[in-house]
Amino acid sequence: MWCLIIVVAMSWLTTFNVINTQNKFIYQIYNFMYRITEPALRPIRRWIPNFGGIDISPVILILLLVFIRNLMKEYGSNLV
């Protein structure tokens, strides 16, 4: 979940020219985080409609992860 939040924040900061991806260290961090999160976000982006440049796939993935975590806690406590 934290990787998703970092990628979203870095993409916003890059868009508004707060951070510069020309910096090799920043680029390596962003590229690493992008490669970690993109395989999970790509299938979601295929199913949701285009909202005019607003990408809500990270929000959907975070909600899905929270749901799965809560589901595992619920059923995990019943097994013990």
PDB file of N, CA and C in Angstrom:
ATOM      1  N   MET A   1       0.821  -1.185   0.000  1.00  0.00           N
ATOM      2  CA  MET A   1       0.000   0.000   0.000  1.00  0.00           C
ATOM      3  C   MET A   1       0.876   1.264   0.000  1.00  0.00           C
ATOM      4  N   TRP A   2       1.953   1.196   0.794  1.00  0.00           N
ATOM      5  CA  TRP A   2       2.825   2.371   0.853  1.00  0.00           C
ATOM      6  C   TRP A   2       3.521   2.633  -0.482  1.00  0.00           C
ATOM      7  N   CYS A   3       3.863   1.579  -1.199  1.00  0.00           N
ATOM      8  CA  CYS A   3       4.488   1.761  -2.511  1.00  0.00           C
ATOM      9  C   CYS A   3       3.539   2.480  -3.460  1.00  0.00           C
ATOM     10  N   LEU A   4       2.261   2.141  -3.415  1.00  0.00           N
ATOM     11  CA  LEU A   4       1.273   2.824  -4.253  1.00  0.00           C
ATOM     12  C   LEU A   4       1.187   4.304  -3.916  1.00  0.00           C
ATOM     13  N   ILE A   5       1.159   4.608  -2.640  1.00  0.00           N
ATOM     14  CA  ILE A   5       1.068   6.003  -2.218  1.00  0.00           C
ATOM     15  C   ILE A   5       2.309   6.780  -2.643  1.00  0.00           C
ATOM     16  N   ILE A   6       3.471   6.157  -2.527  1.00  0.00           N
ATOM     17  CA  ILE A   6       4.719   6.819  -2.935  1.00  0.00           C
ATOM     18  C   ILE A   6       4.735   7.065  -4.439  1.00  0.00           C
ATOM     19  N   VAL A   7       4.304   6.078  -5.228  1.00  0.00           N
ATOM     20  CA  VAL A   7       4.283   6.249  -6.681  1.00  0.00           C
ATOM     21  C   VAL A   7       3.327   7.368  -7.086  1.00  0.00           C
ATOM     22  N   VAL A   8       2.161   7.413  -6.476  1.00  0.00           N
ATOM     23  CA  VAL A   8       1.192   8.473  -6.790  1.00  0.00           C
ATOM     24  C   VAL A   8       1.761   9.838  -6.420  1.00  0.00           C
ATOM     25  N   ALA A   9       2.334   9.942  -5.225  1.00  0.00           N
ATOM     26  CA  ALA A   9       2.904  11.218  -4.790  1.00  0.00           C
ATOM     27  C   ALA A   9       4.050  11.644  -5.702  1.00  0.00           C
ATOM     28  N   MET A  10       4.904  10.703  -6.073  1.00  0.00           N
ATOM     29  CA  MET A  10       6.022  11.050  -6.956  1.00  0.00           C
ATOM     30  C   MET A  10       5.532  11.456  -8.341  1.00  0.00           C
ATOM     31  N   SER A  11       4.483  10.824  -8.836  1.00  0.00           N
ATOM     32  CA  SER A  11       3.976  11.208 -10.156  1.00  0.00           C
ATOM     33  C   SER A  11       3.373  12.607 -10.120  1.00  0.00           C
ATOM     34  N   TRP A  12       2.677  12.947  -9.026  1.00  0.00           N
ATOM     35  CA  TRP A  12       2.148  14.311  -8.893  1.00  0.00           C
ATOM     36  C   TRP A  12       3.278  15.322  -8.788  1.00  0.00           C
ATOM     37  N   LEU A  13       4.288  15.009  -7.973  1.00  0.00           N
ATOM     38  CA  LEU A  13       5.410  15.925  -7.810  1.00  0.00           C
ATOM     39  C   LEU A  13       6.185  16.104  -9.114  1.00  0.00           C
ATOM     40  N   THR A  14       6.275  15.057  -9.902  1.00  0.00           N
ATOM     41  CA  THR A  14       6.938  15.155 -11.201  1.00  0.00           C
ATOM     42  C   THR A  14       6.108  15.985 -12.167  1.00  0.00           C
ATOM     43  N   THR A  15       4.796  15.786 -12.152  1.00  0.00           N
ATOM     44  CA  THR A  15       3.908  16.533 -13.046  1.00  0.00           C
ATOM     45  C   THR A  15       3.978  18.032 -12.771  1.00  0.00           C
ATOM     46  N   PHE A  16       4.044  18.410 -11.508  1.00  0.00           N
ATOM     47  CA  PHE A  16       4.076  19.827 -11.145  1.00  0.00           C
ATOM     48  C   PHE A  16       5.494  20.378 -11.013  1.00  0.00           C
ATOM     49  N   ASN A  17       6.474  19.653 -11.530  1.00  0.00           N
ATOM     50  CA  ASN A  17       7.885  20.061 -11.552  1.00  0.00           C
ATOM     51  C   ASN A  17       8.448  20.382 -10.170  1.00  0.00           C
ATOM     52  N   VAL A  18       8.016  19.649  -9.159  1.00  0.00           N
ATOM     53  CA  VAL A  18       8.582  19.806  -7.828  1.00  0.00           C
ATOM     54  C   VAL A  18       9.843  18.956  -7.723  1.00  0.00           C
ATOM     55  N   ILE A  19       9.789  17.744  -8.269  1.00  0.00           N
ATOM     56  CA  ILE A  19      10.990  16.914  -8.335  1.00  0.00           C
ATOM     57  C   ILE A  19      11.337  16.703  -9.801  1.00  0.00           C
ATOM     58  N   ASN A  20      12.592  16.462 -10.044  1.00  0.00           N
ATOM     59  CA  ASN A  20      13.088  16.343 -11.403  1.00  0.00           C
ATOM     60  C   ASN A  20      13.578  14.915 -11.630  1.00  0.00           C
ATOM     61  N   THR A  21      12.979  14.230 -12.601  1.00  0.00           N
ATOM     62  CA  THR A  21      13.405  12.860 -12.889  1.00  0.00           C
ATOM     63  C   THR A  21      14.694  12.822 -13.701  1.00  0.00           C
ATOM     64  N   GLN A  22      15.236  13.979 -14.044  1.00  0.00           N
ATOM     65  CA  GLN A  22      16.555  14.016 -14.672  1.00  0.00           C
ATOM     66  C   GLN A  22      17.639  13.636 -13.658  1.00  0.00           C
ATOM     67  N   ASN A  23      17.336  13.839 -12.379  1.00  0.00           N
ATOM     68  CA  ASN A  23      18.233  13.416 -11.308  1.00  0.00           C
ATOM     69  C   ASN A  23      18.243  11.888 -11.288  1.00  0.00           C
ATOM     70  N   LYS A  24      19.419  11.309 -11.379  1.00  0.00           N
ATOM     71  CA  LYS A  24      19.534   9.862 -11.496  1.00  0.00           C
ATOM     72  C   LYS A  24      18.977   9.124 -10.287  1.00  0.00           C
ATOM     73  N   PHE A  25      19.206   9.631  -9.083  1.00  0.00           N
ATOM     74  CA  PHE A  25      18.721   8.987  -7.866  1.00  0.00           C
ATOM     75  C   PHE A  25      17.194   9.005  -7.819  1.00  0.00           C
ATOM     76  N   ILE A  26      16.598  10.145  -8.120  1.00  0.00           N
ATOM     77  CA  ILE A  26      15.133  10.259  -8.133  1.00  0.00           C
ATOM     78  C   ILE A  26      14.550   9.334  -9.192  1.00  0.00           C
ATOM     79  N   TYR A  27      15.174   9.306 -10.360  1.00  0.00           N
ATOM     80  CA  TYR A  27      14.685   8.448 -11.438  1.00  0.00           C
ATOM     81  C   TYR A  27      14.742   6.971 -11.038  1.00  0.00           C
ATOM     82  N   GLN A  28      15.819   6.550 -10.376  1.00  0.00           N
ATOM     83  CA  GLN A  28      15.943   5.154  -9.954  1.00  0.00           C
ATOM     84  C   GLN A  28      14.871   4.775  -8.932  1.00  0.00           C
ATOM     85  N   ILE A  29      14.608   5.666  -7.998  1.00  0.00           N
ATOM     86  CA  ILE A  29      13.556   5.394  -7.009  1.00  0.00           C
ATOM     87  C   ILE A  29      12.201   5.289  -7.693  1.00  0.00           C
ATOM     88  N   TYR A  30      11.893   6.262  -8.546  1.00  0.00           N
ATOM     89  CA  TYR A  30      10.598   6.273  -9.230  1.00  0.00           C
ATOM     90  C   TYR A  30      10.451   5.047 -10.133  1.00  0.00           C
ATOM     91  N   ASN A  31      11.497   4.703 -10.861  1.00  0.00           N
ATOM     92  CA  ASN A  31      11.456   3.557 -11.761  1.00  0.00           C
ATOM     93  C   ASN A  31      11.255   2.254 -10.979  1.00  0.00           C
ATOM     94  N   PHE A  32      11.929   2.105  -9.855  1.00  0.00           N
ATOM     95  CA  PHE A  32      11.777   0.919  -9.019  1.00  0.00           C
ATOM     96  C   PHE A  32      10.344   0.800  -8.499  1.00  0.00           C
ATOM     97  N   MET A  33       9.824   1.892  -7.963  1.00  0.00           N
ATOM     98  CA  MET A  33       8.457   1.870  -7.433  1.00  0.00           C
ATOM     99  C   MET A  33       7.436   1.618  -8.542  1.00  0.00           C
ATOM    100  N   TYR A  34       7.660   2.197  -9.700  1.00  0.00           N
ATOM    101  CA  TYR A  34       6.756   1.994 -10.836  1.00  0.00           C
ATOM    102  C   TYR A  34       6.743   0.528 -11.253  1.00  0.00           C
ATOM    103  N   ARG A  35       7.914  -0.084 -11.320  1.00  0.00           N
ATOM    104  CA  ARG A  35       8.001  -1.496 -11.719  1.00  0.00           C
ATOM    105  C   ARG A  35       7.354  -2.431 -10.703  1.00  0.00           C
ATOM    106  N   ILE A  36       7.358  -2.050  -9.444  1.00  0.00           N
ATOM    107  CA  ILE A  36       6.718  -2.868  -8.410  1.00  0.00           C
ATOM    108  C   ILE A  36       5.197  -2.772  -8.507  1.00  0.00           C
ATOM    109  N   THR A  37       4.684  -1.573  -8.721  1.00  0.00           N
ATOM    110  CA  THR A  37       3.237  -1.361  -8.666  1.00  0.00           C
ATOM    111  C   THR A  37       2.522  -1.557  -9.996  1.00  0.00           C
ATOM    112  N   GLU A  38       3.188  -1.381 -11.093  1.00  0.00           N
ATOM    113  CA  GLU A  38       2.524  -1.437 -12.402  1.00  0.00           C
ATOM    114  C   GLU A  38       1.870  -2.786 -12.713  1.00  0.00           C
ATOM    115  N   PRO A  39       2.476  -3.930 -12.388  1.00  0.00           N
ATOM    116  CA  PRO A  39       1.790  -5.201 -12.677  1.00  0.00           C
ATOM    117  C   PRO A  39       0.438  -5.346 -11.966  1.00  0.00           C
ATOM    118  N   ALA A  40       0.286  -4.745 -10.804  1.00  0.00           N
ATOM    119  CA  ALA A  40      -0.994  -4.810 -10.099  1.00  0.00           C
ATOM    120  C   ALA A  40      -1.984  -3.775 -10.626  1.00  0.00           C
ATOM    121  N   LEU A  41      -1.487  -2.646 -11.107  1.00  0.00           N
ATOM    122  CA  LEU A  41      -2.372  -1.578 -11.583  1.00  0.00           C
ATOM    123  C   LEU A  41      -2.849  -1.791 -13.020  1.00  0.00           C
ATOM    124  N   ARG A  42      -2.049  -2.439 -13.833  1.00  0.00           N
ATOM    125  CA  ARG A  42      -2.381  -2.608 -15.253  1.00  0.00           C
ATOM    126  C   ARG A  42      -3.725  -3.296 -15.487  1.00  0.00           C
ATOM    127  N   PRO A  43      -4.037  -4.417 -14.813  1.00  0.00           N
ATOM    128  CA  PRO A  43      -5.349  -5.047 -15.039  1.00  0.00           C
ATOM    129  C   PRO A  43      -6.517  -4.165 -14.607  1.00  0.00           C
ATOM    130  N   ILE A  44      -6.327  -3.377 -13.559  1.00  0.00           N
ATOM    131  CA  ILE A  44      -7.396  -2.478 -13.107  1.00  0.00           C
ATOM    132  C   ILE A  44      -7.633  -1.391 -14.140  1.00  0.00           C
ATOM    133  N   ARG A  45      -6.572  -0.861 -14.718  1.00  0.00           N
ATOM    134  CA  ARG A  45      -6.709   0.196 -15.735  1.00  0.00           C
ATOM    135  C   ARG A  45      -7.439  -0.293 -16.979  1.00  0.00           C
ATOM    136  N   ARG A  46      -7.332  -1.588 -17.273  1.00  0.00           N
ATOM    137  CA  ARG A  46      -8.043  -2.129 -18.432  1.00  0.00           C
ATOM    138  C   ARG A  46      -9.548  -2.147 -18.220  1.00  0.00           C
ATOM    139  N   TRP A  47      -9.994  -2.286 -16.955  1.00  0.00           N
ATOM    140  CA  TRP A  47     -11.423  -2.456 -16.681  1.00  0.00           C
ATOM    141  C   TRP A  47     -12.148  -1.158 -16.345  1.00  0.00           C
ATOM    142  N   ILE A  48     -11.441  -0.154 -15.853  1.00  0.00           N
ATOM    143  CA  ILE A  48     -12.136   1.076 -15.481  1.00  0.00           C
ATOM    144  C   ILE A  48     -12.169   2.033 -16.658  1.00  0.00           C
ATOM    145  N   PRO A  49     -13.215   2.861 -16.747  1.00  0.00           N
ATOM    146  CA  PRO A  49     -13.288   3.828 -17.852  1.00  0.00           C
ATOM    147  C   PRO A  49     -12.305   4.977 -17.645  1.00  0.00           C
ATOM    148  N   ASN A  50     -12.044   5.703 -18.717  1.00  0.00           N
ATOM    149  CA  ASN A  50     -11.155   6.852 -18.672  1.00  0.00           C
ATOM    150  C   ASN A  50     -11.908   8.041 -18.064  1.00  0.00           C
ATOM    151  N   PHE A  51     -11.333   8.660 -17.049  1.00  0.00           N
ATOM    152  CA  PHE A  51     -11.960   9.797 -16.390  1.00  0.00           C
ATOM    153  C   PHE A  51     -11.272  11.103 -16.765  1.00  0.00           C
ATOM    154  N   GLY A  52     -10.826  11.217 -17.989  1.00  0.00           N
ATOM    155  CA  GLY A  52     -10.244  12.465 -18.460  1.00  0.00           C
ATOM    156  C   GLY A  52      -8.906  12.807 -17.837  1.00  0.00           C
ATOM    157  N   GLY A  53      -8.010  11.852 -17.772  1.00  0.00           N
ATOM    158  CA  GLY A  53      -6.672  12.106 -17.256  1.00  0.00           C
ATOM    159  C   GLY A  53      -6.513  11.839 -15.768  1.00  0.00           C
ATOM    160  N   ILE A  54      -7.589  11.475 -15.104  1.00  0.00           N
ATOM    161  CA  ILE A  54      -7.501  11.147 -13.680  1.00  0.00           C
ATOM    162  C   ILE A  54      -7.443   9.635 -13.547  1.00  0.00           C
ATOM    163  N   ASP A  55      -6.378   9.154 -12.944  1.00  0.00           N
ATOM    164  CA  ASP A  55      -6.174   7.713 -12.785  1.00  0.00           C
ATOM    165  C   ASP A  55      -6.619   7.298 -11.390  1.00  0.00           C
ATOM    166  N   ILE A  56      -7.722   6.573 -11.302  1.00  0.00           N
ATOM    167  CA  ILE A  56      -8.225   6.141  -9.997  1.00  0.00           C
ATOM    168  C   ILE A  56      -7.834   4.699  -9.692  1.00  0.00           C
ATOM    169  N   SER A  57      -7.027   4.085 -10.541  1.00  0.00           N
ATOM    170  CA  SER A  57      -6.637   2.698 -10.309  1.00  0.00           C
ATOM    171  C   SER A  57      -5.880   2.500  -8.993  1.00  0.00           C
ATOM    172  N   PRO A  58      -5.008   3.429  -8.544  1.00  0.00           N
ATOM    173  CA  PRO A  58      -4.373   3.217  -7.232  1.00  0.00           C
ATOM    174  C   PRO A  58      -5.386   3.211  -6.083  1.00  0.00           C
ATOM    175  N   VAL A  59      -6.404   4.040  -6.179  1.00  0.00           N
ATOM    176  CA  VAL A  59      -7.434   4.077  -5.137  1.00  0.00           C
ATOM    177  C   VAL A  59      -8.184   2.751  -5.094  1.00  0.00           C
ATOM    178  N   ILE A  60      -8.533   2.234  -6.266  1.00  0.00           N
ATOM    179  CA  ILE A  60      -9.246   0.961  -6.341  1.00  0.00           C
ATOM    180  C   ILE A  60      -8.376  -0.162  -5.781  1.00  0.00           C
ATOM    181  N   LEU A  61      -7.094  -0.164  -6.120  1.00  0.00           N
ATOM    182  CA  LEU A  61      -6.199  -1.208  -5.618  1.00  0.00           C
ATOM    183  C   LEU A  61      -6.025  -1.111  -4.101  1.00  0.00           C
ATOM    184  N   ILE A  62      -5.911   0.089  -3.568  1.00  0.00           N
ATOM    185  CA  ILE A  62      -5.785   0.249  -2.119  1.00  0.00           C
ATOM    186  C   ILE A  62      -7.042  -0.244  -1.422  1.00  0.00           C
ATOM    187  N   LEU A  63      -8.221   0.101  -1.951  1.00  0.00           N
ATOM    188  CA  LEU A  63      -9.472  -0.385  -1.360  1.00  0.00           C
ATOM    189  C   LEU A  63      -9.557  -1.908  -1.426  1.00  0.00           C
ATOM    190  N   LEU A  64      -9.118  -2.475  -2.532  1.00  0.00           N
ATOM    191  CA  LEU A  64      -9.109  -3.928  -2.677  1.00  0.00           C
ATOM    192  C   LEU A  64      -8.155  -4.576  -1.677  1.00  0.00           C
ATOM    193  N   LEU A  65      -6.987  -4.004  -1.490  1.00  0.00           N
ATOM    194  CA  LEU A  65      -6.024  -4.532  -0.526  1.00  0.00           C
ATOM    195  C   LEU A  65      -6.546  -4.441   0.906  1.00  0.00           C
ATOM    196  N   VAL A  66      -7.200  -3.345   1.244  1.00  0.00           N
ATOM    197  CA  VAL A  66      -7.784  -3.205   2.580  1.00  0.00           C
ATOM    198  C   VAL A  66      -8.879  -4.234   2.778  1.00  0.00           C
ATOM    199  N   PHE A  67      -9.718  -4.438   1.754  1.00  0.00           N
ATOM    200  CA  PHE A  67     -10.781  -5.436   1.840  1.00  0.00           C
ATOM    201  C   PHE A  67     -10.209  -6.833   2.058  1.00  0.00           C
ATOM    202  N   ILE A  68      -9.178  -7.183   1.295  1.00  0.00           N
ATOM    203  CA  ILE A  68      -8.562  -8.510   1.424  1.00  0.00           C
ATOM    204  C   ILE A  68      -7.911  -8.668   2.793  1.00  0.00           C
ATOM    205  N   ARG A  69      -7.240  -7.611   3.268  1.00  0.00           N
ATOM    206  CA  ARG A  69      -6.611  -7.672   4.587  1.00  0.00           C
ATOM    207  C   ARG A  69      -7.659  -7.887   5.680  1.00  0.00           C
ATOM    208  N   ASN A  70      -8.772  -7.153   5.605  1.00  0.00           N
ATOM    209  CA  ASN A  70      -9.831  -7.312   6.606  1.00  0.00           C
ATOM    210  C   ASN A  70     -10.483  -8.685   6.507  1.00  0.00           C
ATOM    211  N   LEU A  71     -10.637  -9.185   5.297  1.00  0.00           N
ATOM    212  CA  LEU A  71     -11.212 -10.514   5.096  1.00  0.00           C
ATOM    213  C   LEU A  71     -10.310 -11.586   5.703  1.00  0.00           C
ATOM    214  N   MET A  72      -9.013 -11.435   5.510  1.00  0.00           N
ATOM    215  CA  MET A  72      -8.069 -12.397   6.066  1.00  0.00           C
ATOM    216  C   MET A  72      -8.050 -12.336   7.593  1.00  0.00           C
ATOM    217  N   LYS A  73      -8.158 -11.138   8.151  1.00  0.00           N
ATOM    218  CA  LYS A  73      -8.208 -11.012   9.606  1.00  0.00           C
ATOM    219  C   LYS A  73      -9.469 -11.680  10.148  1.00  0.00           C
ATOM    220  N   GLU A  74     -10.591 -11.473   9.480  1.00  0.00           N
ATOM    221  CA  GLU A  74     -11.860 -12.047   9.930  1.00  0.00           C
ATOM    222  C   GLU A  74     -11.840 -13.565   9.899  1.00  0.00           C
ATOM    223  N   TYR A  75     -11.428 -14.128   8.769  1.00  0.00           N
ATOM    224  CA  TYR A  75     -11.412 -15.575   8.650  1.00  0.00           C
ATOM    225  C   TYR A  75     -10.229 -16.215   9.358  1.00  0.00           C
ATOM    226  N   GLY A  76      -9.159 -15.474   9.514  1.00  0.00           N
ATOM    227  CA  GLY A  76      -8.003 -15.983  10.233  1.00  0.00           C
ATOM    228  C   GLY A  76      -8.281 -16.145  11.715  1.00  0.00           C
ATOM    229  N   SER A  77      -9.066 -15.216  12.272  1.00  0.00           N
ATOM    230  CA  SER A  77      -9.395 -15.311  13.688  1.00  0.00           C
ATOM    231  C   SER A  77     -10.399 -16.431  13.959  1.00  0.00           C
ATOM    232  N   ASN A  78     -11.188 -16.800  12.968  1.00  0.00           N
ATOM    233  CA  ASN A  78     -12.154 -17.885  13.137  1.00  0.00           C
ATOM    234  C   ASN A  78     -11.488 -19.258  13.084  1.00  0.00           C
ATOM    235  N   LEU A  79     -10.328 -19.341  12.460  1.00  0.00           N
ATOM    236  CA  LEU A  79      -9.650 -20.624  12.330  1.00  0.00           C
ATOM    237  C   LEU A  79      -8.899 -21.003  13.603  1.00  0.00           C
ATOM    238  N   VAL A  80      -8.544 -20.024  14.392  1.00  0.00           N
ATOM    239  CA  VAL A  80      -7.743 -20.300  15.599  1.00  0.00           C
ATOM    240  C   VAL A  80      -8.598 -20.712  16.742  1.00  0.00           C
TER     241      VAL A  80
END
